[in-house]
């Protein structure tokens, strides 16, 4: 599944719910497959279920959870990062005609310092996941 402009406009809840349905996976299977390759820690089926339902006050996903979801649902990490940014931090992605994305942080200054730090950490995780130009 390749990232495209239409996909990036969706929330993380939408992407996870739709992708699990596409793969015909139960929550138990999703938990078994969604394991962070760096830490070996799975994403619980309770978290996946709450994420799919867009449960109010759900804790934003950590970089480890996003990596695990990317592996388990066979989607690009960047797609999940963009969808999580949109849902949890008000980050929108603007697609240019070239297909490159630029993240804009909506109302960043209105966020409290903790959430600002989370947004910055998410952007750093996104940037560090990209291959470095030689």
C-alpha atoms as a PDB file:
ATOM      1  CA  UNK A   1       0.000   0.000   0.000  1.00  0.00           C
ATOM      2  CA  UNK A   2       1.642   3.215  -1.137  1.00  0.00           C
ATOM      3  CA  UNK A   3       1.164   6.590   0.476  1.00  0.00           C
ATOM      4  CA  UNK A   4      -0.778   9.027  -1.662  1.00  0.00           C
ATOM      5  CA  UNK A   5      -2.484  12.385  -1.152  1.00  0.00           C
ATOM      6  CA  UNK A   6      -5.912  10.845  -0.592  1.00  0.00           C
ATOM      7  CA  UNK A   7      -4.571   8.559   2.151  1.00  0.00           C
ATOM      8  CA  UNK A   8      -2.841  11.366   4.029  1.00  0.00           C
ATOM      9  CA  UNK A   9      -6.109  13.248   4.607  1.00  0.00           C
ATOM     10  CA  UNK A  10      -7.381  10.436   6.843  1.00  0.00           C
ATOM     11  CA  UNK A  11      -6.912  10.023  10.569  1.00  0.00           C
ATOM     12  CA  UNK A  12      -4.892   7.235  12.137  1.00  0.00           C
ATOM     13  CA  UNK A  13      -8.141   5.685  13.351  1.00  0.00           C
ATOM     14  CA  UNK A  14      -9.453   5.589   9.763  1.00  0.00           C
ATOM     15  CA  UNK A  15      -6.265   4.070   8.360  1.00  0.00           C
ATOM     16  CA  UNK A  16      -5.982   1.359  11.032  1.00  0.00           C
ATOM     17  CA  UNK A  17      -9.684   0.435  10.939  1.00  0.00           C
ATOM     18  CA  UNK A  18      -9.793   0.293   7.129  1.00  0.00           C
ATOM     19  CA  UNK A  19      -6.496  -1.563   6.772  1.00  0.00           C
ATOM     20  CA  UNK A  20      -7.433  -4.218   9.336  1.00  0.00           C
ATOM     21  CA  UNK A  21     -10.694  -4.771   7.444  1.00  0.00           C
ATOM     22  CA  UNK A  22      -8.810  -4.978   4.107  1.00  0.00           C
ATOM     23  CA  UNK A  23      -6.530  -7.649   5.558  1.00  0.00           C
ATOM     24  CA  UNK A  24      -9.435  -9.518   7.197  1.00  0.00           C
ATOM     25  CA  UNK A  25      -7.597  -9.511  10.525  1.00  0.00           C
ATOM     26  CA  UNK A  26      -9.119 -10.073  13.939  1.00  0.00           C
ATOM     27  CA  UNK A  27      -7.988  -7.875  16.811  1.00  0.00           C
ATOM     28  CA  UNK A  28      -6.041 -10.834  18.186  1.00  0.00           C
ATOM     29  CA  UNK A  29      -4.234 -11.274  14.854  1.00  0.00           C
ATOM     30  CA  UNK A  30      -3.541  -7.547  14.702  1.00  0.00           C
ATOM     31  CA  UNK A  31      -1.970  -7.665  18.171  1.00  0.00           C
ATOM     32  CA  UNK A  32       0.202 -10.613  17.104  1.00  0.00           C
ATOM     33  CA  UNK A  33       1.380  -8.826  13.957  1.00  0.00           C
ATOM     34  CA  UNK A  34       1.765  -5.275  15.305  1.00  0.00           C
ATOM     35  CA  UNK A  35       5.117  -5.653  17.047  1.00  0.00           C
ATOM     36  CA  UNK A  36       7.719  -2.891  17.115  1.00  0.00           C
ATOM     37  CA  UNK A  37      10.768  -4.199  15.256  1.00  0.00           C
ATOM     38  CA  UNK A  38      13.094  -2.176  17.493  1.00  0.00           C
ATOM     39  CA  UNK A  39      11.745  -3.086  20.939  1.00  0.00           C
ATOM     40  CA  UNK A  40       9.800  -6.282  20.264  1.00  0.00           C
ATOM     41  CA  UNK A  41       6.820  -4.806  22.109  1.00  0.00           C
ATOM     42  CA  UNK A  42       3.349  -5.449  20.649  1.00  0.00           C
ATOM     43  CA  UNK A  43       0.496  -2.981  20.422  1.00  0.00           C
ATOM     44  CA  UNK A  44      -2.319  -4.348  22.568  1.00  0.00           C
ATOM     45  CA  UNK A  45      -5.582  -5.264  20.917  1.00  0.00           C
ATOM     46  CA  UNK A  46      -7.312  -2.962  23.432  1.00  0.00           C
ATOM     47  CA  UNK A  47      -5.282  -0.015  22.111  1.00  0.00           C
ATOM     48  CA  UNK A  48      -5.991  -1.010  18.494  1.00  0.00           C
ATOM     49  CA  UNK A  49      -9.707  -1.330  19.275  1.00  0.00           C
ATOM     50  CA  UNK A  50      -9.795   2.058  21.035  1.00  0.00           C
ATOM     51  CA  UNK A  51      -7.831   3.605  18.187  1.00  0.00           C
ATOM     52  CA  UNK A  52     -10.245   2.233  15.580  1.00  0.00           C
ATOM     53  CA  UNK A  53     -13.177   3.645  17.557  1.00  0.00           C
ATOM     54  CA  UNK A  54     -11.392   6.999  17.958  1.00  0.00           C
ATOM     55  CA  UNK A  55     -12.065   6.777  21.689  1.00  0.00           C
ATOM     56  CA  UNK A  56     -12.011  10.259  23.243  1.00  0.00           C
ATOM     57  CA  UNK A  57      -8.896  11.072  25.284  1.00  0.00           C
ATOM     58  CA  UNK A  58      -6.964   8.177  23.739  1.00  0.00           C
ATOM     59  CA  UNK A  59      -3.243   8.461  24.398  1.00  0.00           C
ATOM     60  CA  UNK A  60      -1.402   9.459  21.196  1.00  0.00           C
ATOM     61  CA  UNK A  61       0.725   6.667  19.768  1.00  0.00           C
ATOM     62  CA  UNK A  62       4.394   6.595  20.599  1.00  0.00           C
ATOM     63  CA  UNK A  63       6.978   6.197  17.823  1.00  0.00           C
ATOM     64  CA  UNK A  64       7.266   2.516  18.862  1.00  0.00           C
ATOM     65  CA  UNK A  65       3.505   1.994  18.451  1.00  0.00           C
ATOM     66  CA  UNK A  66       3.570   3.663  15.046  1.00  0.00           C
ATOM     67  CA  UNK A  67       6.437   1.408  13.919  1.00  0.00           C
ATOM     68  CA  UNK A  68       4.542  -1.644  15.177  1.00  0.00           C
ATOM     69  CA  UNK A  69       1.333  -0.610  13.405  1.00  0.00           C
ATOM     70  CA  UNK A  70       3.275   0.010  10.175  1.00  0.00           C
ATOM     71  CA  UNK A  71       4.751  -3.495  10.314  1.00  0.00           C
ATOM     72  CA  UNK A  72       1.529  -5.225  11.316  1.00  0.00           C
ATOM     73  CA  UNK A  73      -0.690  -3.504   8.780  1.00  0.00           C
ATOM     74  CA  UNK A  74       1.952  -3.415   6.037  1.00  0.00           C
ATOM     75  CA  UNK A  75       1.738   0.325   5.455  1.00  0.00           C
ATOM     76  CA  UNK A  76       4.444   2.975   5.183  1.00  0.00           C
ATOM     77  CA  UNK A  77       5.450   4.445   8.524  1.00  0.00           C
ATOM     78  CA  UNK A  78       5.199   7.912   6.996  1.00  0.00           C
ATOM     79  CA  UNK A  79       1.495   7.360   6.234  1.00  0.00           C
ATOM     80  CA  UNK A  80       0.813   6.496   9.872  1.00  0.00           C
ATOM     81  CA  UNK A  81       2.909   9.393  11.150  1.00  0.00           C
ATOM     82  CA  UNK A  82       0.963  11.828   8.992  1.00  0.00           C
ATOM     83  CA  UNK A  83      -2.385  10.320  10.021  1.00  0.00           C
ATOM     84  CA  UNK A  84      -1.404  10.415  13.715  1.00  0.00           C
ATOM     85  CA  UNK A  85      -0.247  14.003  13.409  1.00  0.00           C
ATOM     86  CA  UNK A  86      -3.552  14.954  11.833  1.00  0.00           C
ATOM     87  CA  UNK A  87      -5.657  13.163  14.472  1.00  0.00           C
ATOM     88  CA  UNK A  88      -3.743  13.924  17.654  1.00  0.00           C
ATOM     89  CA  UNK A  89      -1.827  17.154  17.023  1.00  0.00           C
ATOM     90  CA  UNK A  90      -3.633  19.085  14.306  1.00  0.00           C
ATOM     91  CA  UNK A  91      -0.794  18.640  11.805  1.00  0.00           C
ATOM     92  CA  UNK A  92      -2.005  18.857   8.233  1.00  0.00           C
ATOM     93  CA  UNK A  93      -0.127  17.674   5.182  1.00  0.00           C
ATOM     94  CA  UNK A  94      -0.176  19.736   2.034  1.00  0.00           C
ATOM     95  CA  UNK A  95       0.611  17.824  -1.137  1.00  0.00           C
ATOM     96  CA  UNK A  96       2.388  19.676  -3.891  1.00  0.00           C
ATOM     97  CA  UNK A  97       2.004  18.878  -7.574  1.00  0.00           C
ATOM     98  CA  UNK A  98       5.416  17.184  -7.374  1.00  0.00           C
ATOM     99  CA  UNK A  99       4.003  14.697  -4.825  1.00  0.00           C
ATOM    100  CA  UNK A 100       6.208  15.930  -1.988  1.00  0.00           C
ATOM    101  CA  UNK A 101       4.588  16.777   1.307  1.00  0.00           C
ATOM    102  CA  UNK A 102       5.151  19.631   3.676  1.00  0.00           C
ATOM    103  CA  UNK A 103       3.743  19.422   7.148  1.00  0.00           C
ATOM    104  CA  UNK A 104       2.037  22.479   8.541  1.00  0.00           C
ATOM    105  CA  UNK A 105       1.300  22.688  12.203  1.00  0.00           C
ATOM    106  CA  UNK A 106      -2.111  24.229  12.709  1.00  0.00           C
ATOM    107  CA  UNK A 107      -2.437  26.333  15.815  1.00  0.00           C
ATOM    108  CA  UNK A 108       0.947  25.132  17.142  1.00  0.00           C
ATOM    109  CA  UNK A 109       1.280  28.154  19.443  1.00  0.00           C
ATOM    110  CA  UNK A 110      -2.075  27.302  21.053  1.00  0.00           C
ATOM    111  CA  UNK A 111      -0.773  23.913  22.196  1.00  0.00           C
ATOM    112  CA  UNK A 112       0.600  23.562  25.686  1.00  0.00           C
ATOM    113  CA  UNK A 113       4.389  23.030  25.966  1.00  0.00           C
ATOM    114  CA  UNK A 114       4.030  19.270  26.503  1.00  0.00           C
ATOM    115  CA  UNK A 115       2.012  18.857  23.304  1.00  0.00           C
ATOM    116  CA  UNK A 116       4.421  21.127  21.421  1.00  0.00           C
ATOM    117  CA  UNK A 117       7.262  18.844  22.510  1.00  0.00           C
ATOM    118  CA  UNK A 118       5.263  15.822  21.331  1.00  0.00           C
ATOM    119  CA  UNK A 119       4.707  17.412  17.932  1.00  0.00           C
ATOM    120  CA  UNK A 120       8.398  18.167  17.623  1.00  0.00           C
ATOM    121  CA  UNK A 121       9.316  14.612  18.676  1.00  0.00           C
ATOM    122  CA  UNK A 122       6.921  13.208  16.087  1.00  0.00           C
ATOM    123  CA  UNK A 123       8.452  15.397  13.373  1.00  0.00           C
ATOM    124  CA  UNK A 124      11.943  14.303  14.437  1.00  0.00           C
ATOM    125  CA  UNK A 125      10.876  10.655  14.273  1.00  0.00           C
ATOM    126  CA  UNK A 126       9.480  11.256  10.814  1.00  0.00           C
ATOM    127  CA  UNK A 127      12.638  12.987   9.620  1.00  0.00           C
ATOM    128  CA  UNK A 128      14.953  10.337  11.070  1.00  0.00           C
ATOM    129  CA  UNK A 129      12.983   7.551   9.392  1.00  0.00           C
ATOM    130  CA  UNK A 130      13.896   8.903   5.955  1.00  0.00           C
ATOM    131  CA  UNK A 131      17.106   7.686   4.312  1.00  0.00           C
ATOM    132  CA  UNK A 132      19.930  10.221   4.424  1.00  0.00           C
ATOM    133  CA  UNK A 133      21.167  11.592   1.080  1.00  0.00           C
ATOM    134  CA  UNK A 134      24.771  10.672   0.422  1.00  0.00           C
END
